[in-house]
Amino acid sequence: MNWFQRHLNWIWVLTVVAFYPLDFALGLLIGLVLYSTDPYMAYETVEGIAVAIAVIVNLVILFLVSGWVLRQKSRSLWWLLILFVPFGGIVFLCLENRSYLQS
């Protein structure tokens, strides 16, 4: 059993935390590109589009990593729906690692 399989919750938390600054940088880059293509566009519009794209990218990364963690824990991907519930991430972290218990 390697470190990744024993510490799946840490991998999930660290991945989610590590991508927040990258999302900010992605939003800033998208905002600069949008502003450079149309300098007469309102700042609020550019900011809104950049934030929306960054949030979508963050959600995609969150669900990809969460799906990988659930597969490693020998759980169904239906458990991804718990992330839509308030404080669902805490419940997600409390799931037992079935693959670790079987070994």
C-alpha atoms as a PDB file:
ATOM      1  CA  MET A   1       0.000   0.000   0.000  1.00  0.00           C
ATOM      2  CA  ASN A   2       1.652   3.236  -1.103  1.00  0.00           C
ATOM      3  CA  TRP A   3       1.358   6.711   0.410  1.00  0.00           C
ATOM      4  CA  PHE A   4      -1.251   7.855  -2.106  1.00  0.00           C
ATOM      5  CA  GLN A   5      -3.621   5.039  -1.235  1.00  0.00           C
ATOM      6  CA  ARG A   6      -3.227   5.587   2.515  1.00  0.00           C
ATOM      7  CA  HIS A   7      -3.712   9.366   2.339  1.00  0.00           C
ATOM      8  CA  LEU A   8      -6.407   9.877  -0.276  1.00  0.00           C
ATOM      9  CA  ASN A   9      -8.115  12.607   1.754  1.00  0.00           C
ATOM     10  CA  TRP A  10      -4.897  14.633   1.918  1.00  0.00           C
ATOM     11  CA  ILE A  11      -4.476  14.336  -1.833  1.00  0.00           C
ATOM     12  CA  TRP A  12      -8.025  15.633  -2.346  1.00  0.00           C
ATOM     13  CA  VAL A  13      -7.573  18.589   0.018  1.00  0.00           C
ATOM     14  CA  LEU A  14      -4.128  19.536  -1.281  1.00  0.00           C
ATOM     15  CA  THR A  15      -5.265  19.362  -4.898  1.00  0.00           C
ATOM     16  CA  VAL A  16      -8.273  21.571  -4.238  1.00  0.00           C
ATOM     17  CA  VAL A  17      -6.179  24.090  -2.285  1.00  0.00           C
ATOM     18  CA  ALA A  18      -3.339  24.041  -4.824  1.00  0.00           C
ATOM     19  CA  PHE A  19      -5.592  24.929  -7.750  1.00  0.00           C
ATOM     20  CA  TYR A  20      -7.185  28.031  -6.206  1.00  0.00           C
ATOM     21  CA  PRO A  21      -4.173  30.293  -6.977  1.00  0.00           C
ATOM     22  CA  LEU A  22      -3.990  28.799 -10.464  1.00  0.00           C
ATOM     23  CA  ASP A  23      -7.653  29.650 -10.998  1.00  0.00           C
ATOM     24  CA  PHE A  24      -6.959  33.222  -9.957  1.00  0.00           C
ATOM     25  CA  ALA A  25      -4.075  33.411 -12.429  1.00  0.00           C
ATOM     26  CA  LEU A  26      -6.236  31.836 -15.141  1.00  0.00           C
ATOM     27  CA  GLY A  27      -8.980  34.384 -14.492  1.00  0.00           C
ATOM     28  CA  LEU A  28      -6.465  37.222 -14.637  1.00  0.00           C
ATOM     29  CA  LEU A  29      -5.021  35.921 -17.903  1.00  0.00           C
ATOM     30  CA  ILE A  30      -8.458  35.501 -19.462  1.00  0.00           C
ATOM     31  CA  GLY A  31      -9.411  38.996 -18.316  1.00  0.00           C
ATOM     32  CA  LEU A  32      -6.282  40.461 -19.889  1.00  0.00           C
ATOM     33  CA  VAL A  33      -6.910  38.638 -23.163  1.00  0.00           C
ATOM     34  CA  LEU A  34     -10.534  39.776 -23.265  1.00  0.00           C
ATOM     35  CA  TYR A  35      -9.605  43.350 -22.440  1.00  0.00           C
ATOM     36  CA  SER A  36      -6.847  43.416 -25.054  1.00  0.00           C
ATOM     37  CA  THR A  37      -9.209  42.168 -27.769  1.00  0.00           C
ATOM     38  CA  ASP A  38     -11.871  44.770 -26.947  1.00  0.00           C
ATOM     39  CA  PRO A  39     -10.575  47.665 -24.807  1.00  0.00           C
ATOM     40  CA  TYR A  40     -13.998  49.324 -24.858  1.00  0.00           C
ATOM     41  CA  MET A  41     -15.625  46.405 -23.067  1.00  0.00           C
ATOM     42  CA  ALA A  42     -16.744  47.259 -19.541  1.00  0.00           C
ATOM     43  CA  TYR A  43     -14.420  46.137 -16.766  1.00  0.00           C
ATOM     44  CA  GLU A  44     -17.281  44.423 -14.904  1.00  0.00           C
ATOM     45  CA  THR A  45     -18.087  42.336 -17.975  1.00  0.00           C
ATOM     46  CA  VAL A  46     -14.469  41.227 -18.391  1.00  0.00           C
ATOM     47  CA  GLU A  47     -14.209  40.452 -14.696  1.00  0.00           C
ATOM     48  CA  GLY A  48     -17.456  38.457 -14.724  1.00  0.00           C
ATOM     49  CA  ILE A  49     -16.447  36.368 -17.712  1.00  0.00           C
ATOM     50  CA  ALA A  50     -12.999  35.681 -16.270  1.00  0.00           C
ATOM     51  CA  VAL A  51     -14.391  34.655 -12.883  1.00  0.00           C
ATOM     52  CA  ALA A  52     -17.016  32.409 -14.501  1.00  0.00           C
ATOM     53  CA  ILE A  53     -14.407  30.583 -16.585  1.00  0.00           C
ATOM     54  CA  ALA A  54     -12.105  30.183 -13.577  1.00  0.00           C
ATOM     55  CA  VAL A  55     -14.941  28.760 -11.464  1.00  0.00           C
ATOM     56  CA  ILE A  56     -15.884  26.282 -14.194  1.00  0.00           C
ATOM     57  CA  VAL A  57     -12.270  25.129 -14.520  1.00  0.00           C
ATOM     58  CA  ASN A  58     -12.034  24.762 -10.734  1.00  0.00           C
ATOM     59  CA  LEU A  59     -15.220  22.670 -10.606  1.00  0.00           C
ATOM     60  CA  VAL A  60     -14.004  20.410 -13.402  1.00  0.00           C
ATOM     61  CA  ILE A  61     -10.707  19.819 -11.594  1.00  0.00           C
ATOM     62  CA  LEU A  62     -12.548  19.235  -8.298  1.00  0.00           C
ATOM     63  CA  PHE A  63     -14.825  16.620  -9.823  1.00  0.00           C
ATOM     64  CA  LEU A  64     -12.017  14.866 -11.706  1.00  0.00           C
ATOM     65  CA  VAL A  65      -9.886  14.553  -8.575  1.00  0.00           C
ATOM     66  CA  SER A  66     -12.899  13.595  -6.460  1.00  0.00           C
ATOM     67  CA  GLY A  67     -13.846  10.879  -8.939  1.00  0.00           C
ATOM     68  CA  TRP A  68     -10.313   9.514  -8.871  1.00  0.00           C
ATOM     69  CA  VAL A  69     -10.324   9.504  -5.059  1.00  0.00           C
ATOM     70  CA  LEU A  70     -13.681   7.705  -4.975  1.00  0.00           C
ATOM     71  CA  ARG A  71     -12.401   5.063  -7.391  1.00  0.00           C
ATOM     72  CA  GLN A  72      -9.323   4.567  -5.216  1.00  0.00           C
ATOM     73  CA  LYS A  73     -11.598   4.210  -2.163  1.00  0.00           C
ATOM     74  CA  SER A  74     -13.655   1.581  -4.046  1.00  0.00           C
ATOM     75  CA  ARG A  75     -16.751   3.780  -3.910  1.00  0.00           C
ATOM     76  CA  SER A  76     -19.410   4.547  -6.495  1.00  0.00           C
ATOM     77  CA  LEU A  77     -19.179   7.785  -8.449  1.00  0.00           C
ATOM     78  CA  TRP A  78     -22.670   8.592  -7.176  1.00  0.00           C
ATOM     79  CA  TRP A  79     -20.907   9.877  -4.053  1.00  0.00           C
ATOM     80  CA  LEU A  80     -19.867  12.895  -6.137  1.00  0.00           C
ATOM     81  CA  LEU A  81     -23.387  14.237  -5.632  1.00  0.00           C
ATOM     82  CA  ILE A  82     -22.564  14.814  -1.954  1.00  0.00           C
ATOM     83  CA  LEU A  83     -20.333  17.712  -3.046  1.00  0.00           C
ATOM     84  CA  PHE A  84     -23.444  19.670  -4.068  1.00  0.00           C
ATOM     85  CA  VAL A  85     -24.739  19.646  -0.488  1.00  0.00           C
ATOM     86  CA  PRO A  86     -23.540  22.323   1.961  1.00  0.00           C
ATOM     87  CA  PHE A  87     -20.655  20.872   3.973  1.00  0.00           C
ATOM     88  CA  GLY A  88     -20.631  17.898   1.592  1.00  0.00           C
ATOM     89  CA  GLY A  89     -16.845  18.061   1.396  1.00  0.00           C
ATOM     90  CA  ILE A  90     -16.678  17.138   5.081  1.00  0.00           C
ATOM     91  CA  VAL A  91     -18.884  14.098   4.471  1.00  0.00           C
ATOM     92  CA  PHE A  92     -16.719  13.249   1.459  1.00  0.00           C
ATOM     93  CA  LEU A  93     -13.630  13.261   3.667  1.00  0.00           C
ATOM     94  CA  CYS A  94     -15.318  10.991   6.236  1.00  0.00           C
ATOM     95  CA  LEU A  95     -15.860   8.163   3.742  1.00  0.00           C
ATOM     96  CA  GLU A  96     -13.840   5.105   4.608  1.00  0.00           C
ATOM     97  CA  ASN A  97     -11.182   3.898   2.241  1.00  0.00           C
ATOM     98  CA  ARG A  98     -12.497   0.445   1.416  1.00  0.00           C
ATOM     99  CA  SER A  99      -9.481  -0.496  -0.674  1.00  0.00           C
ATOM    100  CA  TYR A 100      -7.210   0.239   2.318  1.00  0.00           C
ATOM    101  CA  LEU A 101      -9.374  -1.919   4.599  1.00  0.00           C
ATOM    102  CA  GLN A 102      -9.339  -4.851   2.169  1.00  0.00           C
ATOM    103  CA  SER A 103      -5.549  -5.053   1.996  1.00  0.00           C
END
